[in-house]
C-alpha atoms as a PDB file:
ATOM      1  CA  MET A   1       0.000   0.000   0.000  1.00  0.00           C
ATOM      2  CA  GLN A   2       2.767   2.371   0.775  1.00  0.00           C
ATOM      3  CA  GLY A   3       4.079   2.068  -2.818  1.00  0.00           C
ATOM      4  CA  MET A   4       0.843   3.460  -4.268  1.00  0.00           C
ATOM      5  CA  TYR A   5       1.051   6.600  -2.163  1.00  0.00           C
ATOM      6  CA  THR A   6       4.572   7.339  -3.282  1.00  0.00           C
ATOM      7  CA  LEU A   7       3.632   6.982  -6.970  1.00  0.00           C
ATOM      8  CA  ALA A   8       0.671   9.313  -6.590  1.00  0.00           C
ATOM      9  CA  ALA A   9       2.788  11.896  -4.784  1.00  0.00           C
ATOM     10  CA  GLU A  10       5.466  11.798  -7.487  1.00  0.00           C
ATOM     11  CA  GLY A  11       2.913  12.428 -10.251  1.00  0.00           C
ATOM     12  CA  GLU A  12       1.347  15.515  -8.666  1.00  0.00           C
ATOM     13  CA  PRO A  13       4.090  18.123  -9.179  1.00  0.00           C
ATOM     14  CA  THR A  14       4.200  17.526 -12.943  1.00  0.00           C
ATOM     15  CA  GLY A  15       0.446  18.018 -13.360  1.00  0.00           C
ATOM     16  CA  GLY A  16       0.513  20.951 -10.958  1.00  0.00           C
ATOM     17  CA  LEU A  17       3.309  22.662 -12.861  1.00  0.00           C
ATOM     18  CA  LEU A  18       1.450  22.402 -16.167  1.00  0.00           C
ATOM     19  CA  GLY A  19      -1.710  23.582 -14.452  1.00  0.00           C
ATOM     20  CA  MET A  20       0.125  26.640 -13.096  1.00  0.00           C
ATOM     21  CA  LEU A  21       1.763  27.536 -16.423  1.00  0.00           C
ATOM     22  CA  PHE A  22      -1.380  27.207 -18.554  1.00  0.00           C
ATOM     23  CA  PRO A  23      -3.023  30.468 -17.319  1.00  0.00           C
ATOM     24  CA  PHE A  24       0.186  32.424 -17.950  1.00  0.00           C
ATOM     25  CA  VAL A  25       0.484  31.034 -21.477  1.00  0.00           C
ATOM     26  CA  LEU A  26      -3.175  31.861 -22.070  1.00  0.00           C
ATOM     27  CA  ILE A  27      -2.694  35.453 -20.841  1.00  0.00           C
ATOM     28  CA  LEU A  28       0.338  35.907 -23.126  1.00  0.00           C
ATOM     29  CA  LEU A  29      -1.664  34.601 -26.090  1.00  0.00           C
ATOM     30  CA  VAL A  30      -4.514  37.025 -25.384  1.00  0.00           C
ATOM     31  CA  PHE A  31      -2.098  39.978 -25.082  1.00  0.00           C
ATOM     32  CA  TRP A  32      -0.468  39.024 -28.362  1.00  0.00           C
ATOM     33  CA  LEU A  33      -3.796  38.749 -30.192  1.00  0.00           C
ATOM     34  CA  LEU A  34      -5.350  41.914 -28.758  1.00  0.00           C
ATOM     35  CA  PHE A  35      -2.426  44.324 -28.419  1.00  0.00           C
ATOM     36  CA  TRP A  36       0.899  43.434 -29.990  1.00  0.00           C
ATOM     37  CA  ARG A  37      -0.303  42.020 -33.313  1.00  0.00           C
ATOM     38  CA  PRO A  38      -2.661  44.911 -34.263  1.00  0.00           C
ATOM     39  CA  ASN A  39      -0.071  47.449 -33.125  1.00  0.00           C
ATOM     40  CA  GLN A  40       2.566  45.792 -35.302  1.00  0.00           C
ATOM     41  CA  LYS A  41       0.244  45.874 -38.337  1.00  0.00           C
ATOM     42  CA  ARG A  42      -0.557  49.556 -37.706  1.00  0.00           C
ATOM     43  CA  ARG A  43       3.156  50.403 -37.553  1.00  0.00           C
ATOM     44  CA  GLN A  44       3.759  48.539 -40.822  1.00  0.00           C
ATOM     45  CA  GLN A  45       0.956  50.488 -42.523  1.00  0.00           C
ATOM     46  CA  GLU A  46       2.318  53.814 -41.226  1.00  0.00           C
ATOM     47  CA  GLN A  47       5.821  52.919 -42.423  1.00  0.00           C
ATOM     48  CA  LYS A  48       4.462  51.982 -45.845  1.00  0.00           C
ATOM     49  CA  MET A  49       2.579  55.305 -46.047  1.00  0.00           C
ATOM     50  CA  VAL A  50       5.652  57.315 -45.007  1.00  0.00           C
ATOM     51  CA  ASN A  51       7.822  55.531 -47.572  1.00  0.00           C
ATOM     52  CA  ALA A  52       5.296  56.374 -50.295  1.00  0.00           C
ATOM     53  CA  LEU A  53       5.503  60.150 -49.701  1.00  0.00           C
ATOM     54  CA  VAL A  54       6.525  62.152 -52.757  1.00  0.00           C
ATOM     55  CA  PRO A  55       6.617  65.907 -53.383  1.00  0.00           C
ATOM     56  CA  GLY A  56       3.262  67.325 -54.423  1.00  0.00           C
ATOM     57  CA  VAL A  57       1.127  64.899 -52.385  1.00  0.00           C
ATOM     58  CA  GLU A  58      -1.427  66.423 -50.030  1.00  0.00           C
ATOM     59  CA  VAL A  59      -1.251  65.093 -46.477  1.00  0.00           C
ATOM     60  CA  MET A  60      -2.887  65.667 -43.130  1.00  0.00           C
ATOM     61  CA  THR A  61      -0.616  65.765 -40.103  1.00  0.00           C
ATOM     62  CA  LYS A  62      -1.472  64.056 -36.838  1.00  0.00           C
ATOM     63  CA  ALA A  63      -2.199  67.547 -35.477  1.00  0.00           C
ATOM     64  CA  GLY A  64      -4.909  67.996 -38.135  1.00  0.00           C
ATOM     65  CA  ILE A  65      -3.063  70.389 -40.435  1.00  0.00           C
ATOM     66  CA  TYR A  66      -3.566  69.939 -44.183  1.00  0.00           C
ATOM     67  CA  ALA A  67      -0.384  70.496 -46.179  1.00  0.00           C
ATOM     68  CA  THR A  68       1.419  69.642 -49.391  1.00  0.00           C
ATOM     69  CA  VAL A  69       4.748  67.794 -49.344  1.00  0.00           C
ATOM     70  CA  VAL A  70       7.533  69.983 -50.786  1.00  0.00           C
ATOM     71  CA  GLU A  71      10.759  68.173 -49.840  1.00  0.00           C
ATOM     72  CA  ILE A  72      11.547  64.798 -48.329  1.00  0.00           C
ATOM     73  CA  HIS A  73      14.616  64.163 -46.187  1.00  0.00           C
ATOM     74  CA  GLU A  74      15.793  61.085 -44.331  1.00  0.00           C
ATOM     75  CA  GLN A  75      14.028  61.820 -41.024  1.00  0.00           C
ATOM     76  CA  ASP A  76      11.728  64.732 -41.846  1.00  0.00           C
ATOM     77  CA  VAL A  77       9.645  66.393 -44.541  1.00  0.00           C
ATOM     78  CA  VAL A  78       9.063  70.010 -45.529  1.00  0.00           C
ATOM     79  CA  LEU A  79       5.369  70.798 -45.827  1.00  0.00           C
ATOM     80  CA  GLU A  80       3.687  73.830 -47.323  1.00  0.00           C
ATOM     81  CA  ILE A  81       0.607  74.700 -45.291  1.00  0.00           C
ATOM     82  CA  SER A  82      -0.280  77.820 -47.294  1.00  0.00           C
ATOM     83  CA  PRO A  83       1.395  79.582 -50.235  1.00  0.00           C
ATOM     84  CA  GLY A  84       4.826  80.648 -49.005  1.00  0.00           C
ATOM     85  CA  THR A  85       4.444  79.122 -45.526  1.00  0.00           C
ATOM     86  CA  ARG A  86       6.527  76.013 -44.991  1.00  0.00           C
ATOM     87  CA  ILE A  87       7.100  73.900 -41.936  1.00  0.00           C
ATOM     88  CA  ARG A  88       9.562  71.123 -41.265  1.00  0.00           C
ATOM     89  CA  MET A  89       8.125  68.065 -39.549  1.00  0.00           C
ATOM     90  CA  LEU A  90       9.245  64.565 -38.656  1.00  0.00           C
ATOM     91  CA  LYS A  91       7.902  61.920 -41.008  1.00  0.00           C
ATOM     92  CA  ALA A  92       6.191  60.287 -38.041  1.00  0.00           C
ATOM     93  CA  GLY A  93       4.043  63.427 -37.692  1.00  0.00           C
ATOM     94  CA  VAL A  94       2.309  62.793 -41.015  1.00  0.00           C
ATOM     95  CA  GLY A  95      -1.054  61.235 -40.188  1.00  0.00           C
ATOM     96  CA  GLU A  96      -2.400  60.259 -43.589  1.00  0.00           C
ATOM     97  CA  VAL A  97      -2.129  60.897 -47.293  1.00  0.00           C
ATOM     98  CA  ILE A  98      -5.187  62.683 -48.648  1.00  0.00           C
ATOM     99  CA  THR A  99      -6.278  61.075 -51.874  1.00  0.00           C
ATOM    100  CA  PRO A 100      -7.580  63.634 -54.318  1.00  0.00           C
ATOM    101  CA  ALA A 101     -11.178  63.308 -55.407  1.00  0.00           C
ATOM    102  CA  GLU A 102     -11.659  61.567 -58.743  1.00  0.00           C
ATOM    103  CA  ASP A 103     -13.813  64.432 -59.977  1.00  0.00           C
ATOM    104  CA  ASP A 104     -11.704  67.595 -60.344  1.00  0.00           C
ATOM    105  CA  THR A 105     -14.774  69.790 -60.946  1.00  0.00           C
ATOM    106  CA  PRO A 106     -15.000  72.606 -58.355  1.00  0.00           C
ATOM    107  CA  VAL A 107     -17.813  72.128 -55.861  1.00  0.00           C
ATOM    108  CA  GLU A 108     -19.670  75.241 -57.048  1.00  0.00           C
ATOM    109  CA  ASP A 109     -19.856  73.895 -60.617  1.00  0.00           C
ATOM    110  CA  ARG A 110     -21.259  70.473 -59.690  1.00  0.00           C
ATOM    111  CA  PRO A 111     -24.919  69.879 -60.565  1.00  0.00           C
ATOM    112  CA  ASP A 112     -25.853  68.804 -57.017  1.00  0.00           C
ATOM    113  CA  PHE A 113     -24.481  71.986 -55.393  1.00  0.00           C
ATOM    114  CA  GLY A 114     -27.133  74.411 -54.168  1.00  0.00           C
ATOM    115  CA  ASP A 115     -30.182  72.453 -55.358  1.00  0.00           C
ATOM    116  CA  ASP A 116     -32.264  73.696 -52.443  1.00  0.00           C
ATOM    117  CA  ASP A 117     -31.764  77.345 -53.521  1.00  0.00           C
ATOM    118  CA  LYS A 118     -33.400  76.840 -56.901  1.00  0.00           C
ATOM    119  CA  PRO A 119     -37.019  77.964 -57.268  1.00  0.00           C
ATOM    120  CA  GLY A 120     -39.555  75.178 -57.661  1.00  0.00           C
ATOM    121  CA  SER A 121     -37.646  72.572 -55.687  1.00  0.00           C
END
């Protein structure tokens, strides 16, 4: 009888160790899926966008300023925020590239502009 007790006691620490490590592994998996992986993808997209900057492209900075790229350097870009007004900003400060509208017609000349001002409507 004494032999059975010793075998059962020897088997417990192995099962207990796996049981203790499983929650930690599960927590690490959840952190990876919810935080690290999406953050890594976001950084890759931002890097791709920054590498695609060329002079003449309209951008919006992370501060909400619309500007046109004038010069590109290794770490920073020169942006023109109004005619004759240029600022130098780190590439990381560029929030997004503004894609121009497909229709280059000014808003005032579009047929749907100001429909409610017309008589009879």
